[in-house]
Amino acid sequence: MSRSNIAGRPSRNLRLLRELARKRLKTEHFGVSVRFLALPPVSPYFLCLGTKRVLGSDHWSRAMRAKITKRTVNAMRSGNIITDTEVAGFRARRQAHAVTYELRYRTGGKRKFLVLGAHGTITPDQARLLAKKRVGEVADGQDPAAARQRERAAAANTVNALLDAFLDRYVRKQGLRSAKTIKSAFDRLVRPHLGTKSIYAVTRRNVIEMLDAVEDGSGPVQADRVLAYVRGAFNWQATRDDTFTPPIVRGMARTKPRERIRDRVLDDQEIRDLWNALDQLGAEAPGCYPRLVRALLLTGQRRGSVAQIHSDEINGTEWLIPASKMKGKRPHLVPLAPDVQELMGGLRGFLFSTNGGRTPFVDLSRPKAALDKKIAELRKQDGRKPMAAWVHHDLRRTARSILSRYASPDTAERVLGHVIPGVRGVYDHHAYADEKAAALERLAAHVHAVVHPDEAVVPFPKRGRRSKM
């Protein structure tokens, strides 16, 4: 250390050095023997094995140049820094009771720091090798610190995290009726395939493989639904993240819009087979399932609304579906025919439940499979072909088709809860309770006549009048 450097230090440091030199102290710092030498009072300095750093107690400098070894690291005090003499920019820093290894380098005219690891988890030699590797990356024009930031961002932005944020910030906030359906699809069909991946690492191949698995297990229509849900989540993320590009492109759908339009309607014989199979299901399905399926056809309402019907929604002979359960966001009044009242009478809580009304019964896939199997058995016994594939929603379409025989198109649409378009839908707010009640009674009478063809003909209620219940 030159005299000019010492002379340029504050006078407080000079006085301290003179005092230490006069006492000819011999001490040890960082495990290295240090002897202070007295020189002319104008420029005192000391010699530390050829180094140019002032070492000592709290007043000494806290940095030195030396080879970073286990011995020197263990001797470090809080706040000390050792700069390695072999690898440029490689340093060890002690803070409190921990020592970390770091690399200081320049890229793009800026100085940057990169933490290599903590002492104890890696050795000084391992840290030095890692520092050499990072120095090589810098020489190749790379930025190790920026690369690590991207890795951390990718780890934090997994598909699971994206789906959770999408459900919380968009689906639930928008009050979508399909929130439970979307969440179920994510949990069952998306997370097992893509959940742990970074959103920046998801490729088109990953999406295609997921859709292939969904199609193999649940069919092409379900695969397209999952594709729509995932596309919505990815597009939502793209509006919030400048660096994210959704991997979904046109052509990934498994069906065409025209193919997704269902026109399945059960004929009279199929309705009889359905009713007979429901009577013979027994322990193969929960006791509430046959009642639920019959209610779907006799009310013409959506599966979700019927499956989650609660006794609080029933007022005498009327069922008022809350707006939150309706696609049109309006409450919907459904008069209950006597046959439907028998399916729901005397129950409290959720009317279709397996635990005494505490929660609704919504997992219809397994009992539906058992029902299809039973229908196939009955038809085989009669020497008939298997029944064509059908879904629960086809019962709503069947009910609407039957209503066309006994009610005006306007009344039939109001029974199903469809919003009347145009000016009439804006200005006509009549409840049409009597008209809907009469139509539903005719629907129930028709189904009864189909299921029991040998019984005496049941007279249909006259149009426009509601029978007594």
Protein backbone atom coordinates (compact mmCIF):
# COMPACT_ATOMS: atom_id res chain seq x y z
CA MET A 1 0.00 0.00 0.00
CA SER A 2 1.53 3.32 -1.03
CA ARG A 3 2.07 6.15 1.40
CA SER A 4 -0.07 8.41 -0.71
CA ASN A 5 -3.03 6.04 -0.24
CA ILE A 6 -2.55 6.02 3.51
CA ALA A 7 -2.14 9.77 3.64
CA GLY A 8 -5.38 10.18 1.70
CA ARG A 9 -7.40 8.31 4.34
CA PRO A 10 -9.30 10.23 7.02
CA SER A 11 -7.22 11.49 9.91
CA ARG A 12 -9.10 9.13 12.26
CA ASN A 13 -7.69 6.11 10.43
CA LEU A 14 -4.19 7.61 10.46
CA ARG A 15 -4.31 8.12 14.21
CA LEU A 16 -5.49 4.55 14.68
CA LEU A 17 -2.70 3.15 12.52
CA ARG A 18 -0.04 5.21 14.32
CA GLU A 19 -1.31 3.94 17.66
CA LEU A 20 -1.29 0.33 16.49
CA ALA A 21 2.18 0.74 14.99
CA ARG A 22 3.58 2.20 18.21
CA LYS A 23 2.31 -0.76 20.19
CA ARG A 24 3.93 -3.12 17.66
CA LEU A 25 0.89 -5.38 17.86
CA LYS A 26 1.05 -8.89 16.59
CA THR A 27 -2.33 -10.47 15.99
CA GLU A 28 -4.00 -12.98 13.72
CA HIS A 29 -6.87 -12.25 11.35
CA PHE A 30 -8.45 -14.68 8.90
CA GLY A 31 -5.97 -17.23 10.27
CA VAL A 32 -3.00 -15.18 8.90
CA SER A 33 -0.25 -13.79 11.12
CA VAL A 34 -0.03 -9.98 10.82
CA ARG A 35 2.81 -7.79 12.19
CA PHE A 36 2.41 -4.02 12.30
CA LEU A 37 5.54 -1.98 11.62
CA ALA A 38 6.28 1.53 12.88
CA LEU A 39 7.16 3.94 10.10
CA PRO A 40 7.54 7.69 9.96
CA PRO A 41 4.43 9.30 11.54
CA VAL A 42 3.46 10.98 8.30
CA SER A 43 2.56 7.76 6.50
CA PRO A 44 2.27 4.69 8.70
CA TYR A 45 1.30 1.41 7.04
CA PHE A 46 1.51 -2.29 7.71
CA LEU A 47 2.53 -5.39 5.84
CA CYS A 48 0.18 -8.41 5.67
CA LEU A 49 1.89 -11.19 3.77
CA GLY A 50 2.04 -9.04 0.66
CA THR A 51 -1.66 -8.02 0.70
CA LYS A 52 -2.83 -4.43 0.45
CA ARG A 53 -5.74 -4.58 2.91
CA VAL A 54 -5.93 -3.17 6.41
CA LEU A 55 -7.11 -5.93 8.76
CA GLY A 56 -8.12 -5.84 12.39
CA SER A 57 -11.07 -5.39 14.70
CA ASP A 58 -14.22 -3.41 14.01
CA HIS A 59 -12.13 -0.49 12.71
CA TRP A 60 -10.21 -2.61 10.23
CA SER A 61 -11.20 -3.01 6.62
CA ARG A 62 -13.69 -5.88 6.01
CA ALA A 63 -12.33 -7.13 2.66
CA MET A 64 -9.22 -8.97 1.56
CA ARG A 65 -7.81 -10.88 -1.40
CA ALA A 66 -6.85 -14.48 -0.79
CA LYS A 67 -7.60 -17.93 -2.06
CA ILE A 68 -10.99 -18.96 -0.75
CA THR A 69 -10.56 -22.13 1.28
CA LYS A 70 -12.41 -23.84 4.08
CA ARG A 71 -9.91 -22.47 6.58
CA THR A 72 -10.23 -18.83 5.52
CA VAL A 73 -14.01 -19.08 5.26
CA ASN A 74 -14.36 -20.54 8.76
CA ALA A 75 -12.24 -17.70 10.18
CA MET A 76 -14.43 -14.96 8.66
CA ARG A 77 -16.34 -12.54 10.85
CA SER A 78 -19.71 -10.96 10.16
CA GLY A 79 -19.45 -8.47 7.32
CA ASN A 80 -16.11 -9.80 5.99
CA ILE A 81 -15.56 -10.42 2.27
CA ILE A 82 -12.82 -12.50 0.66
CA THR A 83 -12.11 -12.02 -3.04
CA ASP A 84 -10.59 -15.11 -4.60
CA THR A 85 -7.15 -14.80 -6.18
CA GLU A 86 -7.76 -17.54 -8.75
CA VAL A 87 -11.13 -16.73 -10.32
CA ALA A 88 -11.91 -13.09 -11.09
CA GLY A 89 -15.07 -11.89 -9.37
CA PHE A 90 -15.46 -14.98 -7.17
CA ARG A 91 -16.11 -13.90 -3.57
CA ALA A 92 -17.16 -15.23 -0.17
CA ARG A 93 -19.28 -13.01 2.07
CA ARG A 94 -20.24 -13.58 5.69
CA GLN A 95 -23.46 -12.05 6.95
CA ALA A 96 -24.47 -12.83 10.53
CA HIS A 97 -23.91 -16.58 10.88
CA ALA A 98 -23.99 -17.56 7.20
CA VAL A 99 -21.40 -17.44 4.43
CA THR A 100 -22.49 -17.23 0.81
CA TYR A 101 -20.46 -17.58 -2.35
CA GLU A 102 -21.12 -15.09 -5.12
CA LEU A 103 -19.81 -13.98 -8.48
CA ARG A 104 -19.39 -10.34 -9.48
CA TYR A 105 -19.18 -9.67 -13.21
CA ARG A 106 -19.98 -7.10 -15.88
CA THR A 107 -22.27 -7.53 -18.87
CA GLY A 108 -23.71 -4.90 -21.13
CA GLY A 109 -21.75 -2.24 -19.24
CA LYS A 110 -23.49 -3.07 -15.97
CA ARG A 111 -22.12 -4.73 -12.84
CA LYS A 112 -24.12 -7.71 -11.64
CA PHE A 113 -23.99 -10.18 -8.79
CA LEU A 114 -24.91 -13.85 -8.84
CA VAL A 115 -25.27 -15.95 -5.69
CA LEU A 116 -23.63 -19.34 -6.22
CA GLY A 117 -24.65 -21.05 -3.00
CA ALA A 118 -24.27 -21.14 0.76
CA HIS A 119 -21.25 -22.48 2.62
CA GLY A 120 -22.19 -25.85 3.99
CA THR A 121 -24.40 -26.79 1.06
CA ILE A 122 -21.43 -26.50 -1.30
CA THR A 123 -17.70 -26.45 -0.61
CA PRO A 124 -15.33 -23.64 -1.62
CA ASP A 125 -13.90 -25.81 -4.40
CA GLN A 126 -17.39 -26.58 -5.75
CA ALA A 127 -18.26 -22.89 -5.61
CA ARG A 128 -15.05 -22.03 -7.49
CA LEU A 129 -15.87 -24.54 -10.25
CA LEU A 130 -19.36 -23.10 -10.52
CA ALA A 131 -17.89 -19.59 -10.69
CA LYS A 132 -15.57 -20.66 -13.53
CA LYS A 133 -18.55 -22.06 -15.43
CA ARG A 134 -20.54 -18.84 -15.03
CA VAL A 135 -17.51 -16.75 -16.06
CA GLY A 136 -17.36 -18.83 -19.22
CA GLU A 137 -21.03 -18.11 -19.89
CA VAL A 138 -20.39 -14.39 -19.50
CA ALA A 139 -17.49 -14.67 -21.96
CA ASP A 140 -19.93 -16.28 -24.44
CA GLY A 141 -22.22 -13.27 -24.17
CA GLN A 142 -24.71 -14.79 -21.72
CA ASP A 143 -26.07 -13.27 -18.53
CA PRO A 144 -26.25 -15.88 -15.71
CA ALA A 145 -28.20 -13.61 -13.36
CA ALA A 146 -30.87 -12.87 -15.97
CA ALA A 147 -31.09 -16.58 -16.81
CA ARG A 148 -31.67 -17.40 -13.15
CA GLN A 149 -34.41 -14.78 -12.91
CA ARG A 150 -36.13 -16.38 -15.89
CA GLU A 151 -35.85 -19.80 -14.27
CA ARG A 152 -37.37 -18.51 -11.04
CA ALA A 153 -40.18 -16.82 -12.94
CA ALA A 154 -40.86 -20.04 -14.80
CA ALA A 155 -40.92 -22.03 -11.55
CA ALA A 156 -43.36 -19.58 -9.96
CA ASN A 157 -45.60 -19.41 -13.05
CA THR A 158 -46.66 -23.03 -13.36
CA VAL A 159 -49.85 -24.11 -15.07
CA ASN A 160 -51.28 -24.96 -11.63
CA ALA A 161 -50.64 -21.40 -10.44
CA LEU A 162 -52.19 -19.99 -13.63
CA LEU A 163 -55.34 -22.13 -13.28
CA ASP A 164 -55.73 -21.12 -9.63
CA ALA A 165 -55.41 -17.44 -10.49
CA PHE A 166 -57.82 -17.78 -13.42
CA LEU A 167 -60.45 -19.43 -11.21
CA ASP A 168 -60.09 -16.87 -8.42
CA ARG A 169 -59.72 -13.67 -10.41
CA TYR A 170 -61.95 -14.37 -13.39
CA VAL A 171 -64.28 -17.36 -13.16
CA ARG A 172 -65.56 -16.77 -9.63
CA LYS A 173 -65.44 -12.98 -9.91
CA GLN A 174 -67.58 -13.16 -13.05
CA GLY A 175 -70.05 -15.41 -11.23
CA LEU A 176 -70.03 -18.00 -14.01
CA ARG A 177 -72.52 -20.80 -13.45
CA SER A 178 -70.04 -23.19 -14.98
CA ALA A 179 -67.40 -22.41 -12.31
CA LYS A 180 -67.67 -25.85 -10.69
CA THR A 181 -67.59 -27.57 -14.07
CA ILE A 182 -64.49 -25.65 -15.13
CA LYS A 183 -62.71 -26.34 -11.85
CA SER A 184 -63.58 -30.03 -12.08
CA ALA A 185 -62.23 -30.23 -15.63
CA PHE A 186 -59.00 -28.52 -14.57
CA ASP A 187 -58.53 -30.82 -11.57
CA ARG A 188 -59.33 -34.09 -13.35
CA LEU A 189 -58.10 -33.56 -16.89
CA VAL A 190 -55.61 -30.69 -17.08
CA ARG A 191 -53.52 -30.59 -13.89
CA PRO A 192 -52.37 -34.25 -14.09
CA HIS A 193 -50.86 -33.58 -17.54
CA LEU A 194 -49.67 -29.94 -17.43
CA GLY A 195 -49.99 -28.77 -13.82
CA THR A 196 -46.32 -28.78 -12.81
CA LYS A 197 -45.02 -27.35 -16.08
CA SER A 198 -44.02 -23.74 -16.45
CA ILE A 199 -46.46 -21.82 -18.60
CA TYR A 200 -43.47 -20.70 -20.67
CA ALA A 201 -42.48 -24.34 -21.30
CA VAL A 202 -45.87 -25.66 -22.43
CA THR A 203 -45.70 -26.63 -26.10
CA ARG A 204 -48.34 -27.46 -28.66
CA ARG A 205 -47.32 -31.10 -28.39
CA ASN A 206 -48.05 -30.99 -24.65
CA VAL A 207 -51.54 -29.64 -25.34
CA ILE A 208 -52.20 -32.21 -28.07
CA GLU A 209 -51.10 -35.09 -25.84
CA MET A 210 -53.43 -33.86 -23.08
CA LEU A 211 -56.35 -33.61 -25.50
CA ASP A 212 -55.59 -37.10 -26.83
CA ALA A 213 -55.84 -38.49 -23.32
CA VAL A 214 -59.12 -36.67 -22.67
CA GLU A 215 -60.59 -37.85 -25.97
CA ASP A 216 -59.61 -41.45 -25.26
CA GLY A 217 -61.19 -41.36 -21.83
CA SER A 218 -64.20 -39.06 -22.23
CA GLY A 219 -64.78 -38.54 -25.94
CA PRO A 220 -64.06 -35.79 -28.48
CA VAL A 221 -66.75 -33.42 -27.24
CA GLN A 222 -65.28 -33.39 -23.73
CA ALA A 223 -61.84 -32.85 -25.22
CA ASP A 224 -63.14 -29.76 -27.01
CA ARG A 225 -64.68 -28.46 -23.79
CA VAL A 226 -61.36 -28.85 -22.00
CA LEU A 227 -59.63 -27.11 -24.90
CA ALA A 228 -62.04 -24.19 -24.58
CA TYR A 229 -61.44 -23.91 -20.82
CA VAL A 230 -57.65 -24.04 -21.19
CA ARG A 231 -57.73 -21.56 -24.09
CA GLY A 232 -59.70 -19.15 -21.93
CA ALA A 233 -57.18 -19.44 -19.08
CA PHE A 234 -54.17 -19.00 -21.39
CA ASN A 235 -55.70 -16.03 -23.20
CA TRP A 236 -56.49 -14.43 -19.84
CA GLN A 237 -52.85 -14.85 -18.81
CA ALA A 238 -51.67 -13.37 -22.10
CA THR A 239 -53.52 -10.12 -21.30
CA ARG A 240 -51.52 -9.86 -18.04
CA ASP A 241 -48.08 -11.09 -19.14
CA ASP A 242 -46.10 -9.45 -21.93
CA THR A 243 -43.75 -12.43 -22.28
CA PHE A 244 -46.37 -15.21 -22.47
CA THR A 245 -47.67 -16.52 -25.79
CA PRO A 246 -50.45 -19.15 -25.62
CA PRO A 247 -49.45 -22.41 -27.36
CA ILE A 248 -53.01 -23.10 -28.58
CA VAL A 249 -53.69 -22.55 -32.27
CA ARG A 250 -56.56 -23.17 -34.67
CA GLY A 251 -57.12 -26.74 -35.73
CA MET A 252 -56.74 -28.37 -32.30
CA ALA A 253 -60.48 -28.99 -31.88
CA ARG A 254 -61.61 -32.60 -32.29
CA THR A 255 -65.09 -31.86 -33.62
CA LYS A 256 -66.75 -29.29 -35.85
CA PRO A 257 -69.46 -26.95 -34.54
CA ARG A 258 -72.13 -28.71 -36.58
CA GLU A 259 -71.06 -32.06 -35.18
CA ARG A 260 -71.36 -30.76 -31.62
CA ILE A 261 -75.02 -29.84 -32.12
CA ARG A 262 -77.03 -32.66 -30.57
CA ASP A 263 -80.44 -33.66 -31.88
CA ARG A 264 -80.97 -36.81 -29.82
CA VAL A 265 -84.59 -37.25 -28.66
CA LEU A 266 -85.84 -40.37 -26.90
CA ASP A 267 -88.84 -42.01 -28.54
CA ASP A 268 -91.72 -43.64 -26.64
CA GLN A 269 -90.11 -47.08 -26.51
CA GLU A 270 -86.83 -45.66 -25.22
CA ILE A 271 -88.70 -43.76 -22.51
CA ARG A 272 -90.35 -47.05 -21.43
CA ASP A 273 -86.98 -48.79 -21.39
CA LEU A 274 -85.54 -45.94 -19.34
CA TRP A 275 -88.35 -46.11 -16.76
CA ASN A 276 -88.13 -49.90 -16.46
CA ALA A 277 -84.36 -49.82 -16.05
CA LEU A 278 -84.64 -47.16 -13.33
CA ASP A 279 -87.03 -49.44 -11.43
CA GLN A 280 -84.51 -52.31 -11.58
CA LEU A 281 -81.28 -50.48 -10.79
CA GLY A 282 -81.38 -51.38 -7.10
CA ALA A 283 -78.03 -51.12 -5.32
CA GLU A 284 -76.20 -50.37 -8.56
CA ALA A 285 -76.99 -46.66 -8.11
CA PRO A 286 -77.86 -44.35 -5.20
CA GLY A 287 -81.53 -44.27 -4.29
CA CYS A 288 -81.85 -40.63 -5.32
CA TYR A 289 -80.62 -41.23 -8.86
CA PRO A 290 -83.82 -42.76 -10.34
CA ARG A 291 -85.87 -39.92 -8.86
CA LEU A 292 -83.44 -37.37 -10.30
CA VAL A 293 -83.56 -38.83 -13.84
CA ARG A 294 -87.37 -38.88 -13.82
CA ALA A 295 -87.44 -35.28 -12.60
CA LEU A 296 -85.18 -34.26 -15.50
CA LEU A 297 -87.74 -35.45 -18.04
CA LEU A 298 -90.87 -34.35 -16.15
CA THR A 299 -89.64 -30.79 -15.52
CA GLY A 300 -87.52 -30.20 -18.63
CA GLN A 301 -84.95 -28.29 -16.60
CA ARG A 302 -81.17 -28.43 -16.82
CA ARG A 303 -79.30 -31.20 -15.04
CA GLY A 304 -77.40 -28.85 -12.71
CA SER A 305 -80.55 -27.06 -11.55
CA VAL A 306 -82.41 -30.31 -10.87
CA ALA A 307 -79.49 -32.07 -9.18
CA GLN A 308 -78.96 -29.13 -6.79
CA ILE A 309 -82.59 -28.38 -5.99
CA HIS A 310 -83.07 -27.43 -2.32
CA SER A 311 -86.21 -27.56 -0.22
CA ASP A 312 -85.91 -23.81 0.37
CA GLU A 313 -86.63 -23.30 -3.34
CA ILE A 314 -89.96 -25.15 -3.09
CA ASN A 315 -93.08 -23.19 -2.17
CA GLY A 316 -96.10 -25.45 -2.17
CA THR A 317 -96.54 -26.63 -5.75
CA GLU A 318 -93.99 -24.26 -7.26
CA TRP A 319 -90.24 -24.40 -7.63
CA LEU A 320 -88.43 -21.06 -7.93
CA ILE A 321 -84.94 -21.51 -9.38
CA PRO A 322 -82.64 -18.67 -8.24
CA ALA A 323 -81.09 -16.44 -10.87
CA SER A 324 -77.63 -17.68 -9.85
CA LYS A 325 -78.53 -21.14 -11.20
CA MET A 326 -80.07 -19.91 -14.44
CA LYS A 327 -78.18 -19.38 -17.67
CA GLY A 328 -80.20 -16.24 -18.38
CA LYS A 329 -79.39 -14.78 -14.93
CA ARG A 330 -83.11 -14.47 -14.13
CA PRO A 331 -85.15 -16.39 -11.54
CA HIS A 332 -87.31 -19.08 -13.12
CA LEU A 333 -90.67 -20.35 -11.83
CA VAL A 334 -91.40 -24.04 -12.47
CA PRO A 335 -94.85 -25.36 -11.48
CA LEU A 336 -94.65 -28.93 -10.19
CA ALA A 337 -97.01 -31.55 -11.57
CA PRO A 338 -98.35 -34.14 -9.07
CA ASP A 339 -95.95 -36.81 -10.34
CA VAL A 340 -92.99 -34.50 -9.68
CA GLN A 341 -94.28 -33.61 -6.23
CA GLU A 342 -94.23 -37.30 -5.35
CA LEU A 343 -90.54 -37.44 -6.28
CA MET A 344 -89.69 -34.51 -3.99
CA GLY A 345 -92.31 -34.57 -1.24
CA GLY A 346 -91.42 -34.79 2.47
CA LEU A 347 -87.68 -34.13 2.03
CA ARG A 348 -85.58 -31.36 3.55
CA GLY A 349 -82.29 -29.89 2.43
CA PHE A 350 -81.04 -30.97 -0.97
CA LEU A 351 -83.76 -33.16 -2.40
CA PHE A 352 -81.43 -35.40 -4.40
CA SER A 353 -78.73 -36.33 -1.92
CA THR A 354 -76.90 -39.37 -0.56
CA ASN A 355 -76.26 -37.94 2.92
CA GLY A 356 -79.64 -36.82 4.16
CA GLY A 357 -79.81 -33.55 2.25
CA ARG A 358 -76.55 -32.02 3.47
CA THR A 359 -74.99 -31.90 0.00
CA PRO A 360 -76.40 -32.46 -3.50
CA PHE A 361 -75.66 -35.57 -5.53
CA VAL A 362 -73.80 -34.34 -8.59
CA ASP A 363 -71.54 -37.22 -9.69
CA LEU A 364 -73.88 -38.83 -12.21
CA SER A 365 -71.31 -40.59 -14.40
CA ARG A 366 -71.16 -43.92 -12.55
CA PRO A 367 -74.90 -44.40 -12.04
CA LYS A 368 -75.42 -43.33 -15.67
CA ALA A 369 -73.07 -46.13 -16.78
CA ALA A 370 -74.99 -48.60 -14.61
CA LEU A 371 -78.26 -47.36 -16.09
CA ASP A 372 -77.00 -47.80 -19.67
CA LYS A 373 -75.89 -51.33 -18.81
CA LYS A 374 -79.29 -52.17 -17.34
CA ILE A 375 -81.11 -50.78 -20.41
CA ALA A 376 -78.89 -52.88 -22.67
CA GLU A 377 -79.71 -56.01 -20.63
CA LEU A 378 -83.47 -55.42 -20.85
CA ARG A 379 -83.37 -54.83 -24.59
CA LYS A 380 -81.22 -57.91 -25.13
CA GLN A 381 -83.74 -60.03 -23.24
CA ASP A 382 -86.40 -58.87 -25.69
CA GLY A 383 -84.15 -59.54 -28.66
CA ARG A 384 -83.77 -55.86 -29.51
CA LYS A 385 -80.70 -53.88 -30.51
CA PRO A 386 -78.86 -51.79 -27.90
CA MET A 387 -80.25 -48.35 -27.27
CA ALA A 388 -78.48 -45.51 -29.07
CA ALA A 389 -76.14 -43.43 -26.93
CA TRP A 390 -77.78 -40.64 -24.94
CA VAL A 391 -76.90 -38.12 -22.24
CA HIS A 392 -78.91 -36.56 -19.45
CA HIS A 393 -79.38 -33.31 -21.37
CA ASP A 394 -81.20 -35.24 -24.10
CA LEU A 395 -84.10 -35.61 -21.63
CA ARG A 396 -84.52 -31.82 -21.66
CA ARG A 397 -84.69 -31.88 -25.46
CA THR A 398 -87.15 -34.77 -25.30
CA ALA A 399 -89.37 -32.84 -22.89
CA ARG A 400 -89.33 -29.81 -25.17
CA SER A 401 -90.32 -31.96 -28.15
CA ILE A 402 -93.26 -33.46 -26.23
CA LEU A 403 -94.40 -30.01 -25.08
CA SER A 404 -94.75 -28.97 -28.70
CA ARG A 405 -97.75 -31.31 -28.91
CA TYR A 406 -99.62 -29.74 -26.02
CA ALA A 407 -98.50 -26.11 -25.66
CA SER A 408 -97.73 -23.11 -27.82
CA PRO A 409 -94.08 -22.59 -28.78
CA ASP A 410 -93.98 -19.49 -26.59
CA THR A 411 -95.22 -21.39 -23.52
CA ALA A 412 -92.91 -24.33 -24.18
CA GLU A 413 -89.90 -22.01 -24.34
CA ARG A 414 -90.93 -20.35 -21.09
CA VAL A 415 -91.24 -23.76 -19.39
CA LEU A 416 -87.60 -24.44 -20.24
CA GLY A 417 -86.56 -21.03 -18.95
CA HIS A 418 -85.34 -19.73 -22.30
CA VAL A 419 -85.15 -15.97 -22.63
CA ILE A 420 -87.73 -14.66 -25.08
CA PRO A 421 -85.86 -12.59 -27.68
CA GLY A 422 -86.75 -9.22 -29.12
CA VAL A 423 -89.17 -6.58 -27.90
CA ARG A 424 -91.49 -9.13 -26.28
CA GLY A 425 -88.69 -10.32 -24.03
CA VAL A 426 -88.05 -6.74 -22.93
CA TYR A 427 -91.63 -5.68 -22.22
CA ASP A 428 -93.54 -8.89 -21.45
CA HIS A 429 -92.86 -9.80 -17.81
CA HIS A 430 -95.97 -11.86 -17.19
CA ALA A 431 -95.14 -15.02 -15.18
CA TYR A 432 -97.31 -17.36 -17.31
CA ALA A 433 -97.63 -19.59 -14.23
CA ASP A 434 -100.98 -21.15 -15.22
CA GLU A 435 -99.88 -21.77 -18.80
CA LYS A 436 -96.63 -23.40 -17.71
CA ALA A 437 -98.43 -25.49 -15.09
CA ALA A 438 -100.89 -26.82 -17.64
CA ALA A 439 -98.11 -27.62 -20.09
CA LEU A 440 -96.09 -29.53 -17.47
CA GLU A 441 -99.17 -31.50 -16.39
CA ARG A 442 -99.71 -32.54 -19.99
CA LEU A 443 -96.04 -33.55 -20.21
CA ALA A 444 -96.37 -35.71 -17.07
CA ALA A 445 -99.60 -37.27 -18.37
CA HIS A 446 -97.94 -38.08 -21.70
CA VAL A 447 -94.98 -39.77 -20.02
CA HIS A 448 -97.34 -41.73 -17.75
CA ALA A 449 -99.30 -42.95 -20.77
CA VAL A 450 -96.09 -43.97 -22.54
CA VAL A 451 -94.68 -45.83 -19.54
CA HIS A 452 -97.99 -47.56 -18.71
CA PRO A 453 -99.61 -48.19 -22.11
CA ASP A 454 -101.93 -50.91 -20.73
CA GLU A 455 -103.60 -48.60 -18.23
CA ALA A 456 -106.74 -46.65 -18.95
CA VAL A 457 -106.18 -43.52 -20.98
CA VAL A 458 -105.42 -40.56 -18.73
CA PRO A 459 -107.32 -37.48 -19.89
CA PHE A 460 -104.99 -34.56 -20.50
CA PRO A 461 -105.87 -31.30 -18.70
CA LYS A 462 -107.44 -28.73 -20.92
CA ARG A 463 -105.17 -26.10 -22.36
CA GLY A 464 -104.98 -22.95 -20.25
CA ARG A 465 -106.35 -24.50 -17.04
CA ARG A 466 -104.37 -25.95 -14.19
CA SER A 467 -105.58 -29.11 -12.50
CA LYS A 468 -105.95 -29.21 -8.77
CA MET A 469 -103.08 -30.72 -6.81
